N, C-alpha and C. Protein backbone atom coordinates (compact mmCIF):
# COMPACT_ATOMS: atom_id res chain seq x y z
N MET A 1 126.73 -95.42 -115.76
CA MET A 1 127.40 -94.15 -115.86
C MET A 1 126.72 -93.34 -116.97
N THR A 2 126.42 -92.11 -116.68
CA THR A 2 125.75 -91.27 -117.67
C THR A 2 126.73 -90.81 -118.75
N ILE A 3 126.19 -90.36 -119.86
CA ILE A 3 127.04 -89.85 -120.93
C ILE A 3 127.81 -88.62 -120.46
N ASP A 4 127.18 -87.79 -119.63
CA ASP A 4 127.88 -86.61 -119.11
C ASP A 4 129.07 -87.02 -118.24
N GLU A 5 128.89 -88.06 -117.44
CA GLU A 5 130.00 -88.55 -116.61
C GLU A 5 131.12 -89.10 -117.49
N LYS A 6 130.75 -89.81 -118.53
CA LYS A 6 131.75 -90.36 -119.45
C LYS A 6 132.52 -89.23 -120.14
N LEU A 7 131.81 -88.19 -120.56
CA LEU A 7 132.46 -87.06 -121.23
C LEU A 7 133.38 -86.31 -120.29
N THR A 8 132.97 -86.15 -119.04
CA THR A 8 133.80 -85.47 -118.05
C THR A 8 135.10 -86.24 -117.84
N ILE A 9 134.99 -87.55 -117.66
CA ILE A 9 136.18 -88.38 -117.47
C ILE A 9 137.06 -88.33 -118.71
N SER A 10 136.45 -88.41 -119.87
CA SER A 10 137.20 -88.36 -121.12
C SER A 10 137.97 -87.04 -121.26
N ASN A 11 137.32 -85.94 -120.94
CA ASN A 11 137.98 -84.63 -121.01
C ASN A 11 139.14 -84.54 -120.03
N GLU A 12 138.95 -85.07 -118.82
CA GLU A 12 140.03 -85.08 -117.83
C GLU A 12 141.19 -85.94 -118.31
N ALA A 13 140.86 -87.07 -118.92
CA ALA A 13 141.91 -87.96 -119.43
C ALA A 13 142.68 -87.30 -120.56
N ILE A 14 141.99 -86.62 -121.45
CA ILE A 14 142.66 -85.94 -122.56
C ILE A 14 143.58 -84.85 -122.04
N ALA A 15 143.16 -84.16 -121.00
CA ALA A 15 144.02 -83.14 -120.39
C ALA A 15 145.31 -83.78 -119.86
N LEU A 16 145.19 -84.95 -119.25
CA LEU A 16 146.38 -85.66 -118.76
C LEU A 16 147.29 -86.04 -119.92
N LYS A 17 146.70 -86.55 -120.99
CA LYS A 17 147.48 -86.95 -122.16
C LYS A 17 148.21 -85.75 -122.76
N ASN A 18 147.50 -84.63 -122.87
CA ASN A 18 148.09 -83.42 -123.42
C ASN A 18 149.22 -82.88 -122.54
N ALA A 19 149.15 -83.20 -121.24
CA ALA A 19 150.19 -82.78 -120.30
C ALA A 19 151.36 -83.78 -120.27
N GLY A 20 151.26 -84.83 -121.09
CA GLY A 20 152.34 -85.80 -121.17
C GLY A 20 152.20 -86.99 -120.24
N ASP A 21 151.06 -87.10 -119.57
CA ASP A 21 150.83 -88.21 -118.63
C ASP A 21 150.04 -89.31 -119.33
N ARG A 22 150.73 -90.11 -120.13
CA ARG A 22 150.08 -91.19 -120.89
C ARG A 22 149.50 -92.25 -119.97
N GLU A 23 150.21 -92.60 -118.91
CA GLU A 23 149.71 -93.61 -117.97
C GLU A 23 148.45 -93.13 -117.26
N GLY A 24 148.44 -91.87 -116.86
CA GLY A 24 147.26 -91.30 -116.22
C GLY A 24 146.07 -91.28 -117.16
N TYR A 25 146.35 -90.96 -118.42
CA TYR A 25 145.31 -90.97 -119.45
C TYR A 25 144.70 -92.36 -119.58
N GLU A 26 145.54 -93.37 -119.73
CA GLU A 26 145.04 -94.74 -119.90
C GLU A 26 144.28 -95.22 -118.66
N ARG A 27 144.83 -94.92 -117.49
CA ARG A 27 144.18 -95.33 -116.24
C ARG A 27 142.78 -94.72 -116.13
N LEU A 28 142.66 -93.45 -116.43
CA LEU A 28 141.38 -92.77 -116.33
C LEU A 28 140.40 -93.24 -117.40
N MET A 29 140.88 -93.43 -118.62
CA MET A 29 139.99 -93.90 -119.69
C MET A 29 139.42 -95.28 -119.39
N LYS A 30 140.18 -96.12 -118.70
CA LYS A 30 139.71 -97.46 -118.37
C LYS A 30 138.60 -97.46 -117.33
N THR A 31 138.36 -96.32 -116.70
CA THR A 31 137.24 -96.24 -115.75
C THR A 31 135.91 -96.04 -116.46
N ILE A 32 135.96 -95.64 -117.73
CA ILE A 32 134.74 -95.50 -118.53
C ILE A 32 134.31 -96.91 -118.96
N PRO A 33 133.06 -97.28 -118.75
CA PRO A 33 132.63 -98.63 -119.12
C PRO A 33 132.84 -98.93 -120.60
N MET A 34 133.40 -100.10 -120.85
CA MET A 34 133.58 -100.56 -122.23
C MET A 34 132.22 -100.89 -122.82
N PRO A 35 131.93 -100.45 -124.04
CA PRO A 35 130.66 -100.81 -124.67
C PRO A 35 130.57 -102.33 -124.85
N PRO A 36 129.41 -102.90 -124.56
CA PRO A 36 129.25 -104.35 -124.69
C PRO A 36 129.63 -104.91 -126.06
N TYR A 37 129.29 -104.20 -127.14
CA TYR A 37 129.63 -104.70 -128.47
C TYR A 37 131.15 -104.80 -128.66
N HIS A 38 131.89 -103.88 -128.05
CA HIS A 38 133.35 -103.90 -128.14
C HIS A 38 133.91 -105.09 -127.36
N ALA A 39 133.36 -105.32 -126.17
CA ALA A 39 133.80 -106.45 -125.35
C ALA A 39 133.51 -107.77 -126.05
N LYS A 40 132.36 -107.86 -126.69
CA LYS A 40 132.00 -109.09 -127.41
C LYS A 40 133.00 -109.36 -128.53
N PHE A 41 133.35 -108.33 -129.27
CA PHE A 41 134.33 -108.47 -130.34
C PHE A 41 135.68 -108.92 -129.79
N LEU A 42 136.14 -108.26 -128.72
CA LEU A 42 137.43 -108.62 -128.14
C LEU A 42 137.44 -110.04 -127.61
N LYS A 43 136.35 -110.44 -126.97
CA LYS A 43 136.27 -111.80 -126.44
C LYS A 43 136.33 -112.82 -127.58
N GLU A 44 135.63 -112.55 -128.67
CA GLU A 44 135.62 -113.47 -129.81
C GLU A 44 136.98 -113.54 -130.51
N LYS A 45 137.65 -112.41 -130.63
CA LYS A 45 138.90 -112.34 -131.41
C LYS A 45 140.15 -112.61 -130.58
N MET A 46 140.14 -112.22 -129.30
CA MET A 46 141.35 -112.32 -128.48
C MET A 46 141.21 -113.24 -127.28
N GLY A 47 139.98 -113.57 -126.93
CA GLY A 47 139.76 -114.46 -125.80
C GLY A 47 139.38 -113.72 -124.53
N LEU A 48 138.71 -114.44 -123.65
CA LEU A 48 138.24 -113.86 -122.39
C LEU A 48 139.38 -113.40 -121.50
N ASP A 49 140.44 -114.19 -121.42
CA ASP A 49 141.57 -113.82 -120.55
C ASP A 49 142.15 -112.46 -120.93
N VAL A 50 142.33 -112.23 -122.22
CA VAL A 50 142.86 -110.95 -122.68
C VAL A 50 141.90 -109.83 -122.32
N LEU A 51 140.62 -110.04 -122.57
CA LEU A 51 139.61 -109.03 -122.25
C LEU A 51 139.69 -108.64 -120.78
N LEU A 52 139.77 -109.63 -119.91
CA LEU A 52 139.81 -109.36 -118.48
C LEU A 52 141.12 -108.70 -118.06
N GLN A 53 142.21 -109.08 -118.69
CA GLN A 53 143.52 -108.53 -118.33
C GLN A 53 143.70 -107.08 -118.77
N LEU A 54 142.89 -106.62 -119.70
CA LEU A 54 143.02 -105.25 -120.18
C LEU A 54 142.67 -104.23 -119.09
N GLY A 55 141.87 -104.64 -118.12
CA GLY A 55 141.59 -103.77 -116.98
C GLY A 55 140.51 -102.73 -117.18
N TRP A 56 139.69 -102.88 -118.19
CA TRP A 56 138.62 -101.92 -118.44
C TRP A 56 137.45 -102.15 -117.49
N ASN A 57 136.67 -101.12 -117.30
CA ASN A 57 135.42 -101.20 -116.54
C ASN A 57 134.43 -102.00 -117.40
N LEU A 58 134.00 -103.14 -116.90
CA LEU A 58 133.10 -104.01 -117.66
C LEU A 58 131.68 -104.02 -117.07
N SER A 59 131.32 -102.97 -116.35
CA SER A 59 130.00 -102.94 -115.70
C SER A 59 128.85 -102.99 -116.70
N GLU A 60 128.97 -102.29 -117.83
CA GLU A 60 127.90 -102.32 -118.82
C GLU A 60 127.85 -103.66 -119.55
N VAL A 61 128.99 -104.30 -119.70
CA VAL A 61 129.06 -105.63 -120.31
C VAL A 61 128.32 -106.62 -119.42
N GLU A 62 128.62 -106.58 -118.12
CA GLU A 62 127.96 -107.47 -117.17
C GLU A 62 126.46 -107.21 -117.12
N ALA A 63 126.07 -105.94 -117.17
CA ALA A 63 124.64 -105.61 -117.13
C ALA A 63 123.91 -106.14 -118.36
N GLU A 64 124.57 -106.11 -119.52
CA GLU A 64 123.91 -106.56 -120.75
C GLU A 64 123.97 -108.07 -120.95
N PHE A 65 125.13 -108.67 -120.68
CA PHE A 65 125.31 -110.09 -120.97
C PHE A 65 125.23 -110.99 -119.74
N GLY A 66 125.30 -110.41 -118.54
CA GLY A 66 125.29 -111.20 -117.31
C GLY A 66 126.69 -111.56 -116.85
N SER A 67 126.83 -111.82 -115.57
CA SER A 67 128.16 -112.10 -115.01
C SER A 67 128.74 -113.41 -115.53
N ALA A 68 127.90 -114.37 -115.88
CA ALA A 68 128.40 -115.65 -116.39
C ALA A 68 129.16 -115.46 -117.70
N TRP A 69 128.78 -114.46 -118.49
CA TRP A 69 129.44 -114.19 -119.77
C TRP A 69 130.91 -113.85 -119.56
N LEU A 70 131.21 -113.23 -118.41
CA LEU A 70 132.59 -112.85 -118.12
C LEU A 70 133.41 -113.98 -117.52
N SER A 71 132.81 -115.13 -117.34
CA SER A 71 133.56 -116.26 -116.79
C SER A 71 133.54 -117.46 -117.72
N ASN A 72 132.90 -117.34 -118.86
CA ASN A 72 132.84 -118.47 -119.82
C ASN A 72 133.63 -118.15 -121.07
């Protein structure tokens, strides 16, 4: 996902939040790929199960660390 795509989604999500749609905001923000460094921190501190249950887009994590990283 390009930075422009991420910014567009972020702006749309902020508009939802400003309109009082907190759930819509969270749902849309989770479509933006989580940065791999953030996922690594969460996995180390909270565990893989929590990371996976959060529901974030992990496409960039998988691209950087490989799919096995998300199952170990």
